[in-house]
Amino acid sequence: MPDPVDLPPELFRTILRYALDDNDECDIRYLSRLCLLNRPWYAHVAVRLYSEWNYNDVK
């Protein structure tokens, strides 16, 4: 099975958005784990992970 990270970035991010169902709490924990897989995954996932800045859970 091919690596999903080989998909075009726009398509991969859309799939992540639907897979995570826009649940912010789960989203951050799950995305941070995905970033640890390898560099290509980090490159795709970090865009979404760092797209919103929070300080002490205050947006």
PDB file of N, CA and C in Angstrom:
ATOM      1  N   MET A   1       0.849  -1.178   0.000  1.00  0.00           N
ATOM      2  CA  MET A   1       0.000   0.000   0.000  1.00  0.00           C
ATOM      3  C   MET A   1       0.893   1.238   0.000  1.00  0.00           C
ATOM      4  N   PRO A   2       0.624   2.192  -0.884  1.00  0.00           N
ATOM      5  CA  PRO A   2       1.440   3.404  -0.926  1.00  0.00           C
ATOM      6  C   PRO A   2       1.241   4.253   0.333  1.00  0.00           C
ATOM      7  N   ASP A   3       2.234   5.038   0.629  1.00  0.00           N
ATOM      8  CA  ASP A   3       2.185   5.928   1.787  1.00  0.00           C
ATOM      9  C   ASP A   3       1.227   7.088   1.490  1.00  0.00           C
ATOM     10  N   PRO A   4       0.257   7.366   2.356  1.00  0.00           N
ATOM     11  CA  PRO A   4      -0.686   8.459   2.108  1.00  0.00           C
ATOM     12  C   PRO A   4      -0.007   9.815   1.975  1.00  0.00           C
ATOM     13  N   VAL A   5       1.166   9.960   2.553  1.00  0.00           N
ATOM     14  CA  VAL A   5       1.855  11.241   2.483  1.00  0.00           C
ATOM     15  C   VAL A   5       2.340  11.546   1.060  1.00  0.00           C
ATOM     16  N   ASP A   6       2.323  10.546   0.177  1.00  0.00           N
ATOM     17  CA  ASP A   6       2.702  10.761  -1.217  1.00  0.00           C
ATOM     18  C   ASP A   6       1.595  11.437  -2.022  1.00  0.00           C
ATOM     19  N   LEU A   7       0.429  11.601  -1.438  1.00  0.00           N
ATOM     20  CA  LEU A   7      -0.661  12.319  -2.096  1.00  0.00           C
ATOM     21  C   LEU A   7      -0.312  13.803  -2.188  1.00  0.00           C
ATOM     22  N   PRO A   8      -0.958  14.542  -3.099  1.00  0.00           N
ATOM     23  CA  PRO A   8      -0.749  15.990  -3.126  1.00  0.00           C
ATOM     24  C   PRO A   8      -1.133  16.603  -1.770  1.00  0.00           C
ATOM     25  N   PRO A   9      -0.400  17.623  -1.319  1.00  0.00           N
ATOM     26  CA  PRO A   9      -0.639  18.199   0.013  1.00  0.00           C
ATOM     27  C   PRO A   9      -2.084  18.633   0.256  1.00  0.00           C
ATOM     28  N   GLU A  10      -2.719  19.226  -0.745  1.00  0.00           N
ATOM     29  CA  GLU A  10      -4.093  19.700  -0.568  1.00  0.00           C
ATOM     30  C   GLU A  10      -5.040  18.534  -0.287  1.00  0.00           C
ATOM     31  N   LEU A  11      -4.856  17.449  -0.997  1.00  0.00           N
ATOM     32  CA  LEU A  11      -5.707  16.273  -0.819  1.00  0.00           C
ATOM     33  C   LEU A  11      -5.448  15.612   0.532  1.00  0.00           C
ATOM     34  N   PHE A  12      -4.180  15.511   0.907  1.00  0.00           N
ATOM     35  CA  PHE A  12      -3.824  14.900   2.187  1.00  0.00           C
ATOM     36  C   PHE A  12      -4.418  15.697   3.349  1.00  0.00           C
ATOM     37  N   ARG A  13      -4.345  17.023   3.300  1.00  0.00           N
ATOM     38  CA  ARG A  13      -4.912  17.860   4.369  1.00  0.00           C
ATOM     39  C   ARG A  13      -6.430  17.746   4.428  1.00  0.00           C
ATOM     40  N   THR A  14      -7.070  17.634   3.279  1.00  0.00           N
ATOM     41  CA  THR A  14      -8.523  17.462   3.256  1.00  0.00           C
ATOM     42  C   THR A  14      -8.909  16.139   3.902  1.00  0.00           C
ATOM     43  N   ILE A  15      -8.179  15.095   3.602  1.00  0.00           N
ATOM     44  CA  ILE A  15      -8.448  13.786   4.207  1.00  0.00           C
ATOM     45  C   ILE A  15      -8.258  13.852   5.716  1.00  0.00           C
ATOM     46  N   LEU A  16      -7.196  14.508   6.176  1.00  0.00           N
ATOM     47  CA  LEU A  16      -6.976  14.658   7.620  1.00  0.00           C
ATOM     48  C   LEU A  16      -8.122  15.413   8.280  1.00  0.00           C
ATOM     49  N   ARG A  17      -8.589  16.467   7.620  1.00  0.00           N
ATOM     50  CA  ARG A  17      -9.683  17.265   8.190  1.00  0.00           C
ATOM     51  C   ARG A  17     -10.926  16.399   8.383  1.00  0.00           C
ATOM     52  N   TYR A  18     -11.267  15.593   7.395  1.00  0.00           N
ATOM     53  CA  TYR A  18     -12.440  14.728   7.524  1.00  0.00           C
ATOM     54  C   TYR A  18     -12.202  13.587   8.514  1.00  0.00           C
ATOM     55  N   ALA A  19     -11.000  13.058   8.539  1.00  0.00           N
ATOM     56  CA  ALA A  19     -10.700  11.940   9.437  1.00  0.00           C
ATOM     57  C   ALA A  19     -10.742  12.369  10.898  1.00  0.00           C
ATOM     58  N   LEU A  20     -10.282  13.580  11.179  1.00  0.00           N
ATOM     59  CA  LEU A  20     -10.247  14.055  12.561  1.00  0.00           C
ATOM     60  C   LEU A  20     -11.549  14.729  12.973  1.00  0.00           C
ATOM     61  N   ASP A  21     -12.417  15.010  12.015  1.00  0.00           N
ATOM     62  CA  ASP A  21     -13.757  15.544  12.287  1.00  0.00           C
ATOM     63  C   ASP A  21     -13.714  16.862  13.060  1.00  0.00           C
ATOM     64  N   ASP A  22     -12.668  17.668  12.865  1.00  0.00           N
ATOM     65  CA  ASP A  22     -12.528  18.997  13.471  1.00  0.00           C
ATOM     66  C   ASP A  22     -12.705  19.003  14.982  1.00  0.00           C
ATOM     67  N   ASN A  23     -12.269  17.968  15.648  1.00  0.00           N
ATOM     68  CA  ASN A  23     -12.293  17.898  17.107  1.00  0.00           C
ATOM     69  C   ASN A  23     -10.958  18.438  17.607  1.00  0.00           C
ATOM     70  N   ASP A  24     -10.944  19.678  18.139  1.00  0.00           N
ATOM     71  CA  ASP A  24      -9.699  20.367  18.479  1.00  0.00           C
ATOM     72  C   ASP A  24      -8.865  19.633  19.515  1.00  0.00           C
ATOM     73  N   GLU A  25      -9.478  19.134  20.571  1.00  0.00           N
ATOM     74  CA  GLU A  25      -8.717  18.485  21.640  1.00  0.00           C
ATOM     75  C   GLU A  25      -8.032  17.221  21.126  1.00  0.00           C
ATOM     76  N   CYS A  26      -8.777  16.391  20.460  1.00  0.00           N
ATOM     77  CA  CYS A  26      -8.227  15.154  19.892  1.00  0.00           C
ATOM     78  C   CYS A  26      -7.264  15.493  18.760  1.00  0.00           C
ATOM     79  N   ASP A  27      -7.594  16.508  18.014  1.00  0.00           N
ATOM     80  CA  ASP A  27      -6.824  16.920  16.859  1.00  0.00           C
ATOM     81  C   ASP A  27      -5.368  17.201  17.222  1.00  0.00           C
ATOM     82  N   ILE A  28      -5.134  17.978  18.256  1.00  0.00           N
ATOM     83  CA  ILE A  28      -3.778  18.369  18.635  1.00  0.00           C
ATOM     84  C   ILE A  28      -2.977  17.165  19.111  1.00  0.00           C
ATOM     85  N   ARG A  29      -3.565  16.344  19.941  1.00  0.00           N
ATOM     86  CA  ARG A  29      -2.849  15.160  20.434  1.00  0.00           C
ATOM     87  C   ARG A  29      -2.528  14.190  19.303  1.00  0.00           C
ATOM     88  N   TYR A  30      -3.497  13.948  18.450  1.00  0.00           N
ATOM     89  CA  TYR A  30      -3.309  12.999  17.356  1.00  0.00           C
ATOM     90  C   TYR A  30      -2.295  13.524  16.340  1.00  0.00           C
ATOM     91  N   LEU A  31      -2.413  14.798  15.989  1.00  0.00           N
ATOM     92  CA  LEU A  31      -1.489  15.369  15.017  1.00  0.00           C
ATOM     93  C   LEU A  31      -0.059  15.401  15.542  1.00  0.00           C
ATOM     94  N   SER A  32       0.101  15.669  16.823  1.00  0.00           N
ATOM     95  CA  SER A  32       1.455  15.688  17.378  1.00  0.00           C
ATOM     96  C   SER A  32       2.091  14.299  17.305  1.00  0.00           C
ATOM     97  N   ARG A  33       1.289  13.255  17.455  1.00  0.00           N
ATOM     98  CA  ARG A  33       1.817  11.890  17.311  1.00  0.00           C
ATOM     99  C   ARG A  33       2.153  11.571  15.852  1.00  0.00           C
ATOM    100  N   LEU A  34       1.319  12.050  14.938  1.00  0.00           N
ATOM    101  CA  LEU A  34       1.596  11.813  13.517  1.00  0.00           C
ATOM    102  C   LEU A  34       2.889  12.500  13.078  1.00  0.00           C
ATOM    103  N   CYS A  35       3.204  13.631  13.686  1.00  0.00           N
ATOM    104  CA  CYS A  35       4.435  14.346  13.339  1.00  0.00           C
ATOM    105  C   CYS A  35       5.679  13.531  13.660  1.00  0.00           C
ATOM    106  N   LEU A  36       5.566  12.586  14.570  1.00  0.00           N
ATOM    107  CA  LEU A  36       6.719  11.789  14.978  1.00  0.00           C
ATOM    108  C   LEU A  36       7.013  10.622  14.037  1.00  0.00           C
ATOM    109  N   LEU A  37       6.137  10.356  13.081  1.00  0.00           N
ATOM    110  CA  LEU A  37       6.336   9.204  12.193  1.00  0.00           C
ATOM    111  C   LEU A  37       7.602   9.331  11.350  1.00  0.00           C
ATOM    112  N   ASN A  38       7.690  10.396  10.584  1.00  0.00           N
ATOM    113  CA  ASN A  38       8.877  10.659   9.771  1.00  0.00           C
ATOM    114  C   ASN A  38       8.793  12.076   9.206  1.00  0.00           C
ATOM    115  N   ARG A  39       9.814  12.505   8.498  1.00  0.00           N
ATOM    116  CA  ARG A  39       9.866  13.888   8.001  1.00  0.00           C
ATOM    117  C   ARG A  39       8.751  14.233   7.012  1.00  0.00           C
ATOM    118  N   PRO A  40       8.434  13.380   6.041  1.00  0.00           N
ATOM    119  CA  PRO A  40       7.337  13.734   5.131  1.00  0.00           C
ATOM    120  C   PRO A  40       5.997  13.908   5.858  1.00  0.00           C
ATOM    121  N   TRP A  41       5.712  13.043   6.824  1.00  0.00           N
ATOM    122  CA  TRP A  41       4.467  13.197   7.583  1.00  0.00           C
ATOM    123  C   TRP A  41       4.498  14.510   8.360  1.00  0.00           C
ATOM    124  N   TYR A  42       5.640  14.818   8.974  1.00  0.00           N
ATOM    125  CA  TYR A  42       5.755  16.065   9.732  1.00  0.00           C
ATOM    126  C   TYR A  42       5.496  17.267   8.826  1.00  0.00           C
ATOM    127  N   ALA A  43       6.067  17.255   7.629  1.00  0.00           N
ATOM    128  CA  ALA A  43       5.901  18.376   6.704  1.00  0.00           C
ATOM    129  C   ALA A  43       4.432  18.624   6.376  1.00  0.00           C
ATOM    130  N   HIS A  44       3.658  17.574   6.227  1.00  0.00           N
ATOM    131  CA  HIS A  44       2.239  17.727   5.900  1.00  0.00           C
ATOM    132  C   HIS A  44       1.390  18.057   7.127  1.00  0.00           C
ATOM    133  N   VAL A  45       1.675  17.414   8.223  1.00  0.00           N
ATOM    134  CA  VAL A  45       0.823  17.523   9.408  1.00  0.00           C
ATOM    135  C   VAL A  45       1.100  18.805  10.195  1.00  0.00           C
ATOM    136  N   ALA A  46       2.329  19.282  10.187  1.00  0.00           N
ATOM    137  CA  ALA A  46       2.689  20.474  10.964  1.00  0.00           C
ATOM    138  C   ALA A  46       1.901  21.699  10.518  1.00  0.00           C
ATOM    139  N   VAL A  47       1.546  21.772   9.252  1.00  0.00           N
ATOM    140  CA  VAL A  47       0.754  22.900   8.752  1.00  0.00           C
ATOM    141  C   VAL A  47      -0.550  23.014   9.528  1.00  0.00           C
ATOM    142  N   ARG A  48      -1.204  21.909   9.724  1.00  0.00           N
ATOM    143  CA  ARG A  48      -2.470  21.915  10.469  1.00  0.00           C
ATOM    144  C   ARG A  48      -2.241  22.045  11.975  1.00  0.00           C
ATOM    145  N   LEU A  49      -1.217  21.404  12.478  1.00  0.00           N
ATOM    146  CA  LEU A  49      -0.943  21.422  13.909  1.00  0.00           C
ATOM    147  C   LEU A  49      -0.656  22.837  14.398  1.00  0.00           C
ATOM    148  N   TYR A  50       0.100  23.596  13.636  1.00  0.00           N
ATOM    149  CA  TYR A  50       0.489  24.946  14.052  1.00  0.00           C
ATOM    150  C   TYR A  50      -0.363  26.039  13.418  1.00  0.00           C
ATOM    151  N   SER A  51      -1.484  25.694  12.830  1.00  0.00           N
ATOM    152  CA  SER A  51      -2.320  26.700  12.173  1.00  0.00           C
ATOM    153  C   SER A  51      -3.051  27.601  13.161  1.00  0.00           C
ATOM    154  N   GLU A  52      -3.167  27.161  14.394  1.00  0.00           N
ATOM    155  CA  GLU A  52      -3.860  27.959  15.414  1.00  0.00           C
ATOM    156  C   GLU A  52      -3.014  27.974  16.678  1.00  0.00           C
ATOM    157  N   TRP A  53      -2.858  29.152  17.252  1.00  0.00           N
ATOM    158  CA  TRP A  53      -2.016  29.298  18.433  1.00  0.00           C
ATOM    159  C   TRP A  53      -2.895  29.395  19.671  1.00  0.00           C
ATOM    160  N   ASN A  54      -2.580  28.608  20.691  1.00  0.00           N
ATOM    161  CA  ASN A  54      -3.305  28.630  21.967  1.00  0.00           C
ATOM    162  C   ASN A  54      -2.312  28.828  23.098  1.00  0.00           C
ATOM    163  N   TYR A  55      -2.731  29.572  24.109  1.00  0.00           N
ATOM    164  CA  TYR A  55      -1.925  29.741  25.307  1.00  0.00           C
ATOM    165  C   TYR A  55      -2.802  29.395  26.497  1.00  0.00           C
ATOM    166  N   ASN A  56      -2.460  28.342  27.207  1.00  0.00           N
ATOM    167  CA  ASN A  56      -3.268  27.865  28.340  1.00  0.00           C
ATOM    168  C   ASN A  56      -4.715  27.626  27.927  1.00  0.00           C
ATOM    169  N   ASP A  57      -4.880  27.014  26.763  1.00  0.00           N
ATOM    170  CA  ASP A  57      -6.202  26.681  26.211  1.00  0.00           C
ATOM    171  C   ASP A  57      -7.078  27.891  25.939  1.00  0.00           C
ATOM    172  N   VAL A  58      -6.488  29.069  25.812  1.00  0.00           N
ATOM    173  CA  VAL A  58      -7.228  30.276  25.436  1.00  0.00           C
ATOM    174  C   VAL A  58      -6.861  30.589  23.998  1.00  0.00           C
ATOM    175  N   LYS A  59      -7.878  30.666  23.143  1.00  0.00           N
ATOM    176  CA  LYS A  59      -7.628  30.924  21.717  1.00  0.00           C
ATOM    177  C   LYS A  59      -7.579  32.401  21.442  1.00  0.00           C
TER     178      LYS A  59
END
